[in-house]
């Protein structure tokens, strides 16, 4: 008789000799840094996101006891989430702000440069990419409003930070996060 802890007992025993219920096996995901615990078919495993990431990761165990792609949309860096919260509360970024154009230009340029720094040289998680895209969209909208009011604004630091952030998001290292984001949304 085969051992009851063999992989065939965990996922699709065809011998009929397995005495344990089917389960998705424990799996260590070295790329994301998450250990998925053995889970019954049809259930969803929930594990904390890796260190320096906030939130929970989820992964479904199919009815055939096969792990599906993990859902890491809630995993994001705590520093990027804190920055996004600060930006969203800043008076110059509130829609309809009465801040002078010069102040909006300065704060937008500084914020874009900081976002570039936070996304540089890091393997980003799906939530990091989603938050960064939302911030870039906000910065772009702010910039367009100010361009309508001021045609001679300095743009070098804004453009440099905007393009560097976009470049940071599409690096080879972040392809897995993009795929995860596409599969979840």
Protein backbone atom coordinates (compact mmCIF):
# COMPACT_ATOMS: atom_id res chain seq x y z
CA UNK A 1 0.00 0.00 0.00
CA UNK A 2 1.24 3.51 -0.74
CA UNK A 3 1.98 5.80 2.15
CA UNK A 4 -0.93 8.07 3.07
CA UNK A 5 1.31 11.13 3.04
CA UNK A 6 2.39 10.75 -0.58
CA UNK A 7 1.48 13.48 -3.05
CA UNK A 8 -1.13 11.16 -4.67
CA UNK A 9 -3.09 11.28 -1.42
CA UNK A 10 -2.86 15.04 -1.43
CA UNK A 11 -3.96 15.63 -5.00
CA UNK A 12 -5.81 13.09 -7.07
CA UNK A 13 -5.12 9.55 -5.80
CA UNK A 14 -6.09 7.25 -8.65
CA UNK A 15 -5.26 3.99 -6.88
CA UNK A 16 -8.24 4.19 -4.55
CA UNK A 17 -5.92 3.21 -1.70
CA UNK A 18 -5.55 6.64 -0.15
CA UNK A 19 -7.25 6.83 3.24
CA UNK A 20 -6.76 10.55 3.88
CA UNK A 21 -9.06 13.22 2.43
CA UNK A 22 -7.64 15.14 -0.52
CA UNK A 23 -5.99 18.44 0.35
CA UNK A 24 -3.80 21.01 -1.34
CA UNK A 25 -0.36 20.35 0.15
CA UNK A 26 1.74 22.73 2.22
CA UNK A 27 3.65 24.85 -0.27
CA UNK A 28 6.50 27.28 0.33
CA UNK A 29 6.43 30.05 -2.25
CA UNK A 30 9.98 31.40 -2.36
CA UNK A 31 9.11 34.19 -4.79
CA UNK A 32 6.43 35.81 -2.63
CA UNK A 33 7.82 34.58 0.70
CA UNK A 34 4.59 32.91 1.84
CA UNK A 35 4.04 29.41 3.20
CA UNK A 36 0.61 28.12 2.22
CA UNK A 37 -0.79 25.64 4.72
CA UNK A 38 -2.52 22.41 3.68
CA UNK A 39 -6.08 23.32 2.68
CA UNK A 40 -9.21 21.30 1.86
CA UNK A 41 -10.50 21.40 -1.74
CA UNK A 42 -12.88 24.28 -2.39
CA UNK A 43 -11.50 26.35 0.51
CA UNK A 44 -9.47 29.54 0.41
CA UNK A 45 -6.26 29.75 2.43
CA UNK A 46 -5.42 33.11 4.00
CA UNK A 47 -1.89 33.95 5.11
CA UNK A 48 -0.30 37.20 6.26
CA UNK A 49 1.63 39.07 3.60
CA UNK A 50 5.42 38.87 3.96
CA UNK A 51 7.38 41.17 6.28
CA UNK A 52 7.23 44.89 5.43
CA UNK A 53 3.95 44.26 3.61
CA UNK A 54 0.52 44.98 5.04
CA UNK A 55 -2.57 42.87 4.46
CA UNK A 56 -3.41 39.24 3.77
CA UNK A 57 -2.75 36.96 0.82
CA UNK A 58 -5.36 34.45 -0.33
CA UNK A 59 -5.12 31.31 -2.40
CA UNK A 60 -7.86 28.94 -3.51
CA UNK A 61 -7.56 25.19 -3.38
CA UNK A 62 -9.49 23.80 -6.37
CA UNK A 63 -12.01 20.98 -6.08
CA UNK A 64 -9.23 18.72 -7.45
CA UNK A 65 -6.91 19.75 -4.58
CA UNK A 66 -4.67 21.85 -6.85
CA UNK A 67 -3.45 25.27 -5.76
CA UNK A 68 -4.69 28.17 -7.88
CA UNK A 69 -2.72 31.39 -8.46
CA UNK A 70 -2.42 33.41 -5.22
CA UNK A 71 -4.37 36.63 -4.76
CA UNK A 72 -1.94 39.19 -3.35
CA UNK A 73 -3.90 42.33 -4.19
CA UNK A 74 -4.03 43.31 -0.51
CA UNK A 75 -0.26 42.95 -0.06
CA UNK A 76 1.47 46.30 -0.24
CA UNK A 77 4.42 48.03 1.37
CA UNK A 78 3.58 49.89 4.53
CA UNK A 79 5.75 52.85 3.50
CA UNK A 80 3.96 53.25 0.15
CA UNK A 81 0.55 52.95 1.82
CA UNK A 82 1.52 55.59 4.39
CA UNK A 83 2.74 57.90 1.61
CA UNK A 84 -0.51 57.42 -0.37
CA UNK A 85 -2.54 58.30 2.74
CA UNK A 86 -0.48 61.43 3.32
CA UNK A 87 -0.89 62.54 -0.31
CA UNK A 88 -4.64 61.95 -0.29
CA UNK A 89 -4.99 64.16 2.82
CA UNK A 90 -2.72 66.95 1.54
CA UNK A 91 -4.68 70.16 0.86
CA UNK A 92 -3.08 70.67 -2.58
CA UNK A 93 -4.41 67.30 -3.79
CA UNK A 94 -8.00 67.70 -2.65
CA UNK A 95 -10.27 68.19 -5.70
CA UNK A 96 -11.33 71.82 -6.04
CA UNK A 97 -8.38 72.99 -3.94
CA UNK A 98 -7.91 76.73 -3.81
CA UNK A 99 -4.15 76.33 -3.41
CA UNK A 100 -2.14 78.66 -5.66
CA UNK A 101 -0.75 77.03 -8.82
CA UNK A 102 2.85 77.47 -7.64
CA UNK A 103 2.12 75.53 -4.46
CA UNK A 104 0.38 72.78 -6.43
CA UNK A 105 3.32 72.56 -8.83
CA UNK A 106 5.84 72.31 -6.00
CA UNK A 107 3.91 69.74 -3.97
CA UNK A 108 3.10 67.63 -7.05
CA UNK A 109 6.74 67.61 -8.17
CA UNK A 110 7.91 66.65 -4.67
CA UNK A 111 5.29 63.91 -4.39
CA UNK A 112 6.17 62.44 -7.79
CA UNK A 113 9.87 62.38 -6.85
CA UNK A 114 9.05 60.63 -3.55
CA UNK A 115 6.90 58.04 -5.35
CA UNK A 116 9.81 57.43 -7.71
CA UNK A 117 12.08 56.85 -4.72
CA UNK A 118 9.61 54.49 -3.02
CA UNK A 119 9.18 52.33 -6.14
CA UNK A 120 12.85 52.25 -7.16
CA UNK A 121 14.89 49.04 -6.91
CA UNK A 122 12.13 47.08 -5.21
CA UNK A 123 10.13 44.02 -6.15
CA UNK A 124 6.72 45.55 -5.88
CA UNK A 125 3.63 43.65 -4.77
CA UNK A 126 0.35 43.94 -6.70
CA UNK A 127 -1.10 46.51 -4.28
CA UNK A 128 2.07 48.61 -4.63
CA UNK A 129 1.51 48.77 -8.39
CA UNK A 130 -2.21 49.56 -8.02
CA UNK A 131 -1.53 52.32 -5.46
CA UNK A 132 1.30 53.76 -7.57
CA UNK A 133 -0.92 53.87 -10.67
CA UNK A 134 -3.67 55.63 -8.71
CA UNK A 135 -1.16 58.19 -7.42
CA UNK A 136 0.31 58.77 -10.89
CA UNK A 137 -3.22 59.34 -12.21
CA UNK A 138 -3.90 61.83 -9.41
CA UNK A 139 -0.61 63.65 -10.06
CA UNK A 140 -1.33 63.78 -13.78
CA UNK A 141 -4.80 65.24 -13.16
CA UNK A 142 -3.35 67.87 -10.81
CA UNK A 143 -0.72 68.73 -13.37
CA UNK A 144 -3.30 69.11 -16.16
CA UNK A 145 -5.41 71.51 -14.05
CA UNK A 146 -2.37 73.66 -13.33
CA UNK A 147 -1.20 73.58 -16.96
CA UNK A 148 -4.54 75.11 -17.90
CA UNK A 149 -3.88 77.99 -15.50
CA UNK A 150 -0.11 78.41 -15.93
CA UNK A 151 1.67 77.81 -19.20
CA UNK A 152 5.22 78.61 -18.05
CA UNK A 153 5.56 76.22 -15.13
CA UNK A 154 8.84 74.38 -14.56
CA UNK A 155 8.35 70.69 -15.31
CA UNK A 156 11.74 68.96 -15.18
CA UNK A 157 11.53 67.38 -11.71
CA UNK A 158 7.90 66.40 -12.24
CA UNK A 159 8.63 64.78 -15.61
CA UNK A 160 11.74 63.03 -14.33
CA UNK A 161 9.89 61.64 -11.29
CA UNK A 162 6.81 60.64 -13.30
CA UNK A 163 8.82 58.80 -15.97
CA UNK A 164 11.11 57.16 -13.41
CA UNK A 165 8.11 55.88 -11.42
CA UNK A 166 6.51 54.50 -14.59
CA UNK A 167 9.82 52.83 -15.46
CA UNK A 168 10.10 51.38 -11.93
CA UNK A 169 6.64 49.82 -12.23
CA UNK A 170 7.36 47.95 -15.47
CA UNK A 171 10.68 46.32 -14.62
CA UNK A 172 11.19 42.61 -15.26
CA UNK A 173 11.18 42.02 -11.50
CA UNK A 174 7.56 43.22 -11.29
CA UNK A 175 6.08 41.05 -14.06
CA UNK A 176 4.71 38.51 -11.59
CA UNK A 177 2.89 41.27 -9.69
CA UNK A 178 1.37 42.57 -12.93
CA UNK A 179 0.14 39.05 -13.81
CA UNK A 180 -1.30 38.64 -10.32
CA UNK A 181 -3.02 42.01 -10.58
CA UNK A 182 -4.54 41.09 -13.96
CA UNK A 183 -5.82 37.73 -12.73
CA UNK A 184 -7.45 39.20 -9.64
CA UNK A 185 -9.08 42.33 -11.06
